[in-house]
Amino acid sequence: MTAPEVMVLCEGMIRRSGKSILEAHGSSTIVICEGHKIVVDTSSAEYRDRVLAGLAKAKVKPEDVDMIVRTHEHVDHISNDDLFVNAHLVSLAAGQKEKVLCFGVRLVATPGHTPSSVSVFVQGKQHIAVVGDAIPTKSNYDKWVPPSISFDENVALQSMKLIAEFADVIYPGHEGPFAANR
């Protein structure tokens, strides 16, 4: 079996003033495995053209995507779901900790930012975690601080620990991927 591929469709961003968020656009990522094309977060409406450009660069048509994963339900991460007319939304059932999506790809519960936050763990040449706002930026990881918006900071830190123990590379919710060095 071939190892799953992970590509950024568009890098998100976040602009703050102190603890206030002034502007936020989520990153969007595609995972290709065993005949499946999985988009993890579809970003904000303002980034629609960037998502489409990323798909074109990856040589994937929106109608070829068969699964969408929402790391959480915030509008800056889900606003382009309608691009993927043949995709079904994949989630964890209540009480589920993880679910296999295809060879080498798991959906994993990573609550903290929201109670139902999830990440996608990919085992290939490297261990890659696509984490949404479980770790919104590299700064959160470097400083080891949970997202500024968290329903429970201790739970968020436990999820960050789970991610750090798995990942060689982290794809955060609001910027490009970075090496995990813990």
C-alpha atoms as a PDB file:
ATOM      1  CA  MET A   1       0.000   0.000   0.000  1.00  0.00           C
ATOM      2  CA  THR A   2       1.204   3.494  -0.749  1.00  0.00           C
ATOM      3  CA  ALA A   3       1.722   5.998   2.031  1.00  0.00           C
ATOM      4  CA  PRO A   4      -0.886   8.742   2.359  1.00  0.00           C
ATOM      5  CA  GLU A   5      -0.015  12.176   0.963  1.00  0.00           C
ATOM      6  CA  VAL A   6      -0.758  15.430   2.766  1.00  0.00           C
ATOM      7  CA  MET A   7      -0.805  18.826   1.036  1.00  0.00           C
ATOM      8  CA  VAL A   8      -1.784  22.295   2.187  1.00  0.00           C
ATOM      9  CA  LEU A   9      -4.519  23.771   0.001  1.00  0.00           C
ATOM     10  CA  CYS A  10      -4.246  27.165   1.671  1.00  0.00           C
ATOM     11  CA  GLU A  11      -2.478  28.466   4.760  1.00  0.00           C
ATOM     12  CA  GLY A  12      -4.697  30.223   7.222  1.00  0.00           C
ATOM     13  CA  MET A  13      -3.888  33.271   9.286  1.00  0.00           C
ATOM     14  CA  ILE A  14      -4.943  34.956  12.488  1.00  0.00           C
ATOM     15  CA  ARG A  15      -4.592  38.595  13.498  1.00  0.00           C
ATOM     16  CA  ARG A  16      -5.001  39.609  17.121  1.00  0.00           C
ATOM     17  CA  SER A  17      -4.996  42.654  19.311  1.00  0.00           C
ATOM     18  CA  GLY A  18      -4.112  41.336  22.734  1.00  0.00           C
ATOM     19  CA  LYS A  19      -6.519  38.452  23.362  1.00  0.00           C
ATOM     20  CA  SER A  20      -9.065  39.771  20.845  1.00  0.00           C
ATOM     21  CA  ILE A  21      -9.169  38.132  17.433  1.00  0.00           C
ATOM     22  CA  LEU A  22      -9.484  40.755  14.697  1.00  0.00           C
ATOM     23  CA  GLU A  23      -9.356  38.431  11.681  1.00  0.00           C
ATOM     24  CA  ALA A  24      -9.094  34.666  11.251  1.00  0.00           C
ATOM     25  CA  HIS A  25      -9.012  32.311   8.279  1.00  0.00           C
ATOM     26  CA  GLY A  26      -8.473  28.599   8.803  1.00  0.00           C
ATOM     27  CA  SER A  27      -5.960  26.505   6.914  1.00  0.00           C
ATOM     28  CA  SER A  28      -7.278  23.888   4.501  1.00  0.00           C
ATOM     29  CA  THR A  29      -5.467  20.609   3.838  1.00  0.00           C
ATOM     30  CA  ILE A  30      -6.007  17.571   1.633  1.00  0.00           C
ATOM     31  CA  VAL A  31      -5.082  13.991   2.523  1.00  0.00           C
ATOM     32  CA  ILE A  32      -4.933  11.478  -0.342  1.00  0.00           C
ATOM     33  CA  CYS A  33      -5.002   7.796   0.588  1.00  0.00           C
ATOM     34  CA  GLU A  34      -6.271   4.454  -0.803  1.00  0.00           C
ATOM     35  CA  GLY A  35      -8.452   6.077  -3.450  1.00  0.00           C
ATOM     36  CA  HIS A  36      -9.870   8.645  -1.022  1.00  0.00           C
ATOM     37  CA  LYS A  37      -9.475  12.386  -1.117  1.00  0.00           C
ATOM     38  CA  ILE A  38     -10.129  13.950   2.283  1.00  0.00           C
ATOM     39  CA  VAL A  39     -10.270  17.712   2.812  1.00  0.00           C
ATOM     40  CA  VAL A  40      -9.563  18.742   6.391  1.00  0.00           C
ATOM     41  CA  ASP A  41     -11.244  22.107   7.014  1.00  0.00           C
ATOM     42  CA  THR A  42     -12.422  24.168   4.053  1.00  0.00           C
ATOM     43  CA  SER A  43     -11.378  27.613   5.371  1.00  0.00           C
ATOM     44  CA  SER A  44     -13.335  30.855   5.320  1.00  0.00           C
ATOM     45  CA  ALA A  45     -15.466  32.257   2.502  1.00  0.00           C
ATOM     46  CA  GLU A  46     -12.815  34.923   1.856  1.00  0.00           C
ATOM     47  CA  TYR A  47     -10.283  32.162   1.116  1.00  0.00           C
ATOM     48  CA  ARG A  48     -12.471  30.283  -1.388  1.00  0.00           C
ATOM     49  CA  ASP A  49     -10.215  31.181  -4.359  1.00  0.00           C
ATOM     50  CA  ARG A  50      -7.141  30.058  -2.400  1.00  0.00           C
ATOM     51  CA  VAL A  51      -8.750  26.681  -1.651  1.00  0.00           C
ATOM     52  CA  LEU A  52      -9.613  26.256  -5.354  1.00  0.00           C
ATOM     53  CA  ALA A  53      -6.073  27.249  -6.383  1.00  0.00           C
ATOM     54  CA  GLY A  54      -4.650  24.723  -3.908  1.00  0.00           C
ATOM     55  CA  LEU A  55      -6.864  21.990  -5.329  1.00  0.00           C
ATOM     56  CA  ALA A  56      -5.729  22.846  -8.881  1.00  0.00           C
ATOM     57  CA  LYS A  57      -2.087  22.711  -7.761  1.00  0.00           C
ATOM     58  CA  ALA A  58      -2.760  19.292  -6.185  1.00  0.00           C
ATOM     59  CA  LYS A  59      -4.475  18.219  -9.436  1.00  0.00           C
ATOM     60  CA  VAL A  60      -7.724  17.440  -7.604  1.00  0.00           C
ATOM     61  CA  LYS A  61     -11.168  18.533  -8.750  1.00  0.00           C
ATOM     62  CA  PRO A  62     -13.627  19.536  -6.016  1.00  0.00           C
ATOM     63  CA  GLU A  63     -16.039  16.824  -7.175  1.00  0.00           C
ATOM     64  CA  ASP A  64     -13.333  14.156  -6.647  1.00  0.00           C
ATOM     65  CA  VAL A  65     -13.183  14.836  -2.889  1.00  0.00           C
ATOM     66  CA  ASP A  66     -15.179  12.149  -1.073  1.00  0.00           C
ATOM     67  CA  MET A  67     -14.727  13.151   2.590  1.00  0.00           C
ATOM     68  CA  ILE A  68     -14.653  16.380   4.577  1.00  0.00           C
ATOM     69  CA  VAL A  69     -13.330  16.559   8.124  1.00  0.00           C
ATOM     70  CA  ARG A  70     -14.251  19.588  10.202  1.00  0.00           C
ATOM     71  CA  THR A  71     -11.712  19.928  12.996  1.00  0.00           C
ATOM     72  CA  HIS A  72     -14.422  22.006  14.681  1.00  0.00           C
ATOM     73  CA  GLU A  73     -17.514  23.951  13.664  1.00  0.00           C
ATOM     74  CA  HIS A  74     -16.238  27.547  13.602  1.00  0.00           C
ATOM     75  CA  VAL A  75     -17.078  29.512  10.446  1.00  0.00           C
ATOM     76  CA  ASP A  76     -13.431  30.260   9.556  1.00  0.00           C
ATOM     77  CA  HIS A  77     -12.882  26.503   9.101  1.00  0.00           C
ATOM     78  CA  ILE A  78     -16.079  25.314   7.347  1.00  0.00           C
ATOM     79  CA  SER A  79     -17.277  28.020   4.954  1.00  0.00           C
ATOM     80  CA  ASN A  80     -16.326  26.280   1.699  1.00  0.00           C
ATOM     81  CA  ASP A  81     -17.856  22.868   2.439  1.00  0.00           C
ATOM     82  CA  ASP A  82     -20.303  23.482  -0.448  1.00  0.00           C
ATOM     83  CA  LEU A  83     -17.452  23.178  -2.986  1.00  0.00           C
ATOM     84  CA  PHE A  84     -17.325  19.429  -2.361  1.00  0.00           C
ATOM     85  CA  VAL A  85     -20.651  18.191  -3.724  1.00  0.00           C
ATOM     86  CA  ASN A  86     -19.710  14.488  -3.642  1.00  0.00           C
ATOM     87  CA  ALA A  87     -18.118  14.502  -0.188  1.00  0.00           C
ATOM     88  CA  HIS A  88     -19.689  13.320   3.017  1.00  0.00           C
ATOM     89  CA  LEU A  89     -18.891  14.836   6.379  1.00  0.00           C
ATOM     90  CA  VAL A  90     -16.861  12.519   8.598  1.00  0.00           C
ATOM     91  CA  SER A  91     -17.069  12.844  12.368  1.00  0.00           C
ATOM     92  CA  LEU A  92     -16.685  10.863  15.559  1.00  0.00           C
ATOM     93  CA  ALA A  93     -19.764   9.387  17.199  1.00  0.00           C
ATOM     94  CA  ALA A  94     -20.389  10.483  20.785  1.00  0.00           C
ATOM     95  CA  GLY A  95     -17.892   8.809  23.096  1.00  0.00           C
ATOM     96  CA  GLN A  96     -15.604   7.695  20.236  1.00  0.00           C
ATOM     97  CA  LYS A  97     -11.905   8.546  20.674  1.00  0.00           C
ATOM     98  CA  GLU A  98     -10.812   7.745  17.128  1.00  0.00           C
ATOM     99  CA  LYS A  99     -11.852   6.280  13.787  1.00  0.00           C
ATOM    100  CA  VAL A 100      -9.837   4.893  10.860  1.00  0.00           C
ATOM    101  CA  LEU A 101     -10.545   6.777   7.621  1.00  0.00           C
ATOM    102  CA  CYS A 102      -8.226   4.747   5.380  1.00  0.00           C
ATOM    103  CA  PHE A 103      -4.850   3.025   5.573  1.00  0.00           C
ATOM    104  CA  GLY A 104      -2.563   5.199   7.722  1.00  0.00           C
ATOM    105  CA  VAL A 105      -5.175   7.891   8.420  1.00  0.00           C
ATOM    106  CA  ARG A 106      -7.135   8.254  11.673  1.00  0.00           C
ATOM    107  CA  LEU A 107      -9.619  10.787  12.958  1.00  0.00           C
ATOM    108  CA  VAL A 108      -8.705  11.470  16.605  1.00  0.00           C
ATOM    109  CA  ALA A 109     -10.589  13.344  19.330  1.00  0.00           C
ATOM    110  CA  THR A 110      -8.561  16.388  20.436  1.00  0.00           C
ATOM    111  CA  PRO A 111     -10.988  18.429  22.563  1.00  0.00           C
ATOM    112  CA  GLY A 112     -10.095  21.675  24.272  1.00  0.00           C
ATOM    113  CA  HIS A 113     -10.738  24.455  21.795  1.00  0.00           C
ATOM    114  CA  THR A 114     -14.248  23.020  21.526  1.00  0.00           C
ATOM    115  CA  PRO A 115     -15.649  19.891  23.202  1.00  0.00           C
ATOM    116  CA  SER A 116     -15.897  18.080  19.849  1.00  0.00           C
ATOM    117  CA  SER A 117     -12.586  19.180  18.246  1.00  0.00           C
ATOM    118  CA  VAL A 118     -10.828  16.491  16.195  1.00  0.00           C
ATOM    119  CA  SER A 119      -7.508  16.099  14.396  1.00  0.00           C
ATOM    120  CA  VAL A 120      -6.363  13.883  11.540  1.00  0.00           C
ATOM    121  CA  PHE A 121      -3.309  11.727  12.285  1.00  0.00           C
ATOM    122  CA  VAL A 122      -1.461  10.485   9.197  1.00  0.00           C
ATOM    123  CA  GLN A 123       1.180   7.754   9.367  1.00  0.00           C
ATOM    124  CA  GLY A 124       3.314   7.789   6.268  1.00  0.00           C
ATOM    125  CA  LYS A 125       6.933   8.718   5.646  1.00  0.00           C
ATOM    126  CA  GLN A 126       6.417  11.052   8.597  1.00  0.00           C
ATOM    127  CA  HIS A 127       3.790  11.231  11.299  1.00  0.00           C
ATOM    128  CA  ILE A 128       1.666  14.243  10.373  1.00  0.00           C
ATOM    129  CA  ALA A 129      -1.090  15.744  12.516  1.00  0.00           C
ATOM    130  CA  VAL A 130      -3.621  18.107  10.914  1.00  0.00           C
ATOM    131  CA  VAL A 131      -4.968  19.726  14.048  1.00  0.00           C
ATOM    132  CA  GLY A 132      -7.140  22.767  13.351  1.00  0.00           C
ATOM    133  CA  ASP A 133      -7.293  24.946  16.440  1.00  0.00           C
ATOM    134  CA  ALA A 134      -6.135  22.265  18.862  1.00  0.00           C
ATOM    135  CA  ILE A 135      -2.827  24.051  18.076  1.00  0.00           C
ATOM    136  CA  PRO A 136      -3.749  27.185  16.107  1.00  0.00           C
ATOM    137  CA  THR A 137      -0.176  28.442  15.555  1.00  0.00           C
ATOM    138  CA  LYS A 138       3.441  27.408  16.046  1.00  0.00           C
ATOM    139  CA  SER A 139       3.638  30.030  18.793  1.00  0.00           C
ATOM    140  CA  ASN A 140       1.036  28.095  20.813  1.00  0.00           C
ATOM    141  CA  TYR A 141       3.225  25.003  20.449  1.00  0.00           C
ATOM    142  CA  ASP A 142       6.535  26.757  21.196  1.00  0.00           C
ATOM    143  CA  LYS A 143       5.152  28.525  24.276  1.00  0.00           C
ATOM    144  CA  TRP A 144       3.041  25.469  25.176  1.00  0.00           C
ATOM    145  CA  VAL A 145      -0.132  27.479  25.671  1.00  0.00           C
ATOM    146  CA  PRO A 146      -3.605  26.296  24.679  1.00  0.00           C
ATOM    147  CA  PRO A 147      -5.751  28.187  22.176  1.00  0.00           C
ATOM    148  CA  SER A 148      -6.877  31.552  23.568  1.00  0.00           C
ATOM    149  CA  ILE A 149     -10.442  30.339  23.068  1.00  0.00           C
ATOM    150  CA  SER A 150     -10.819  27.046  24.916  1.00  0.00           C
ATOM    151  CA  PHE A 151     -13.729  25.472  26.713  1.00  0.00           C
ATOM    152  CA  ASP A 152     -11.217  23.867  29.113  1.00  0.00           C
ATOM    153  CA  GLU A 153      -7.519  24.795  29.119  1.00  0.00           C
ATOM    154  CA  ASN A 154      -6.447  21.576  30.893  1.00  0.00           C
ATOM    155  CA  VAL A 155      -8.264  19.426  28.347  1.00  0.00           C
ATOM    156  CA  ALA A 156      -6.710  21.522  25.562  1.00  0.00           C
ATOM    157  CA  LEU A 157      -3.227  20.923  26.991  1.00  0.00           C
ATOM    158  CA  GLN A 158      -3.907  17.162  27.166  1.00  0.00           C
ATOM    159  CA  SER A 159      -4.846  17.225  23.472  1.00  0.00           C
ATOM    160  CA  MET A 160      -1.704  19.198  22.639  1.00  0.00           C
ATOM    161  CA  LYS A 161       0.323  16.530  24.486  1.00  0.00           C
ATOM    162  CA  LEU A 162      -1.384  13.737  22.493  1.00  0.00           C
ATOM    163  CA  ILE A 163      -0.575  15.556  19.251  1.00  0.00           C
ATOM    164  CA  ALA A 164       3.049  16.249  20.242  1.00  0.00           C
ATOM    165  CA  GLU A 165       3.610  12.595  21.202  1.00  0.00           C
ATOM    166  CA  PHE A 166       2.403  11.448  17.766  1.00  0.00           C
ATOM    167  CA  ALA A 167       3.565  14.072  15.289  1.00  0.00           C
ATOM    168  CA  ASP A 168       6.789  14.743  13.447  1.00  0.00           C
ATOM    169  CA  VAL A 169       5.031  17.562  11.584  1.00  0.00           C
ATOM    170  CA  ILE A 170       2.028  19.615  12.711  1.00  0.00           C
ATOM    171  CA  TYR A 171      -0.393  21.367  10.359  1.00  0.00           C
ATOM    172  CA  PRO A 172      -1.933  24.048  12.622  1.00  0.00           C
ATOM    173  CA  GLY A 173      -5.247  25.811  12.146  1.00  0.00           C
ATOM    174  CA  HIS A 174      -3.955  29.256  11.205  1.00  0.00           C
ATOM    175  CA  GLU A 175      -0.581  29.000   9.455  1.00  0.00           C
ATOM    176  CA  GLY A 176       1.692  26.607   7.606  1.00  0.00           C
ATOM    177  CA  PRO A 177       3.103  23.293   8.854  1.00  0.00           C
ATOM    178  CA  PHE A 178       6.037  23.082  11.235  1.00  0.00           C
ATOM    179  CA  ALA A 179       8.308  20.391  12.672  1.00  0.00           C
ATOM    180  CA  ALA A 180       7.335  19.083  16.075  1.00  0.00           C
ATOM    181  CA  ASN A 181      10.391  19.100  18.317  1.00  0.00           C
ATOM    182  CA  ARG A 182       9.233  17.881  21.726  1.00  0.00           C
END
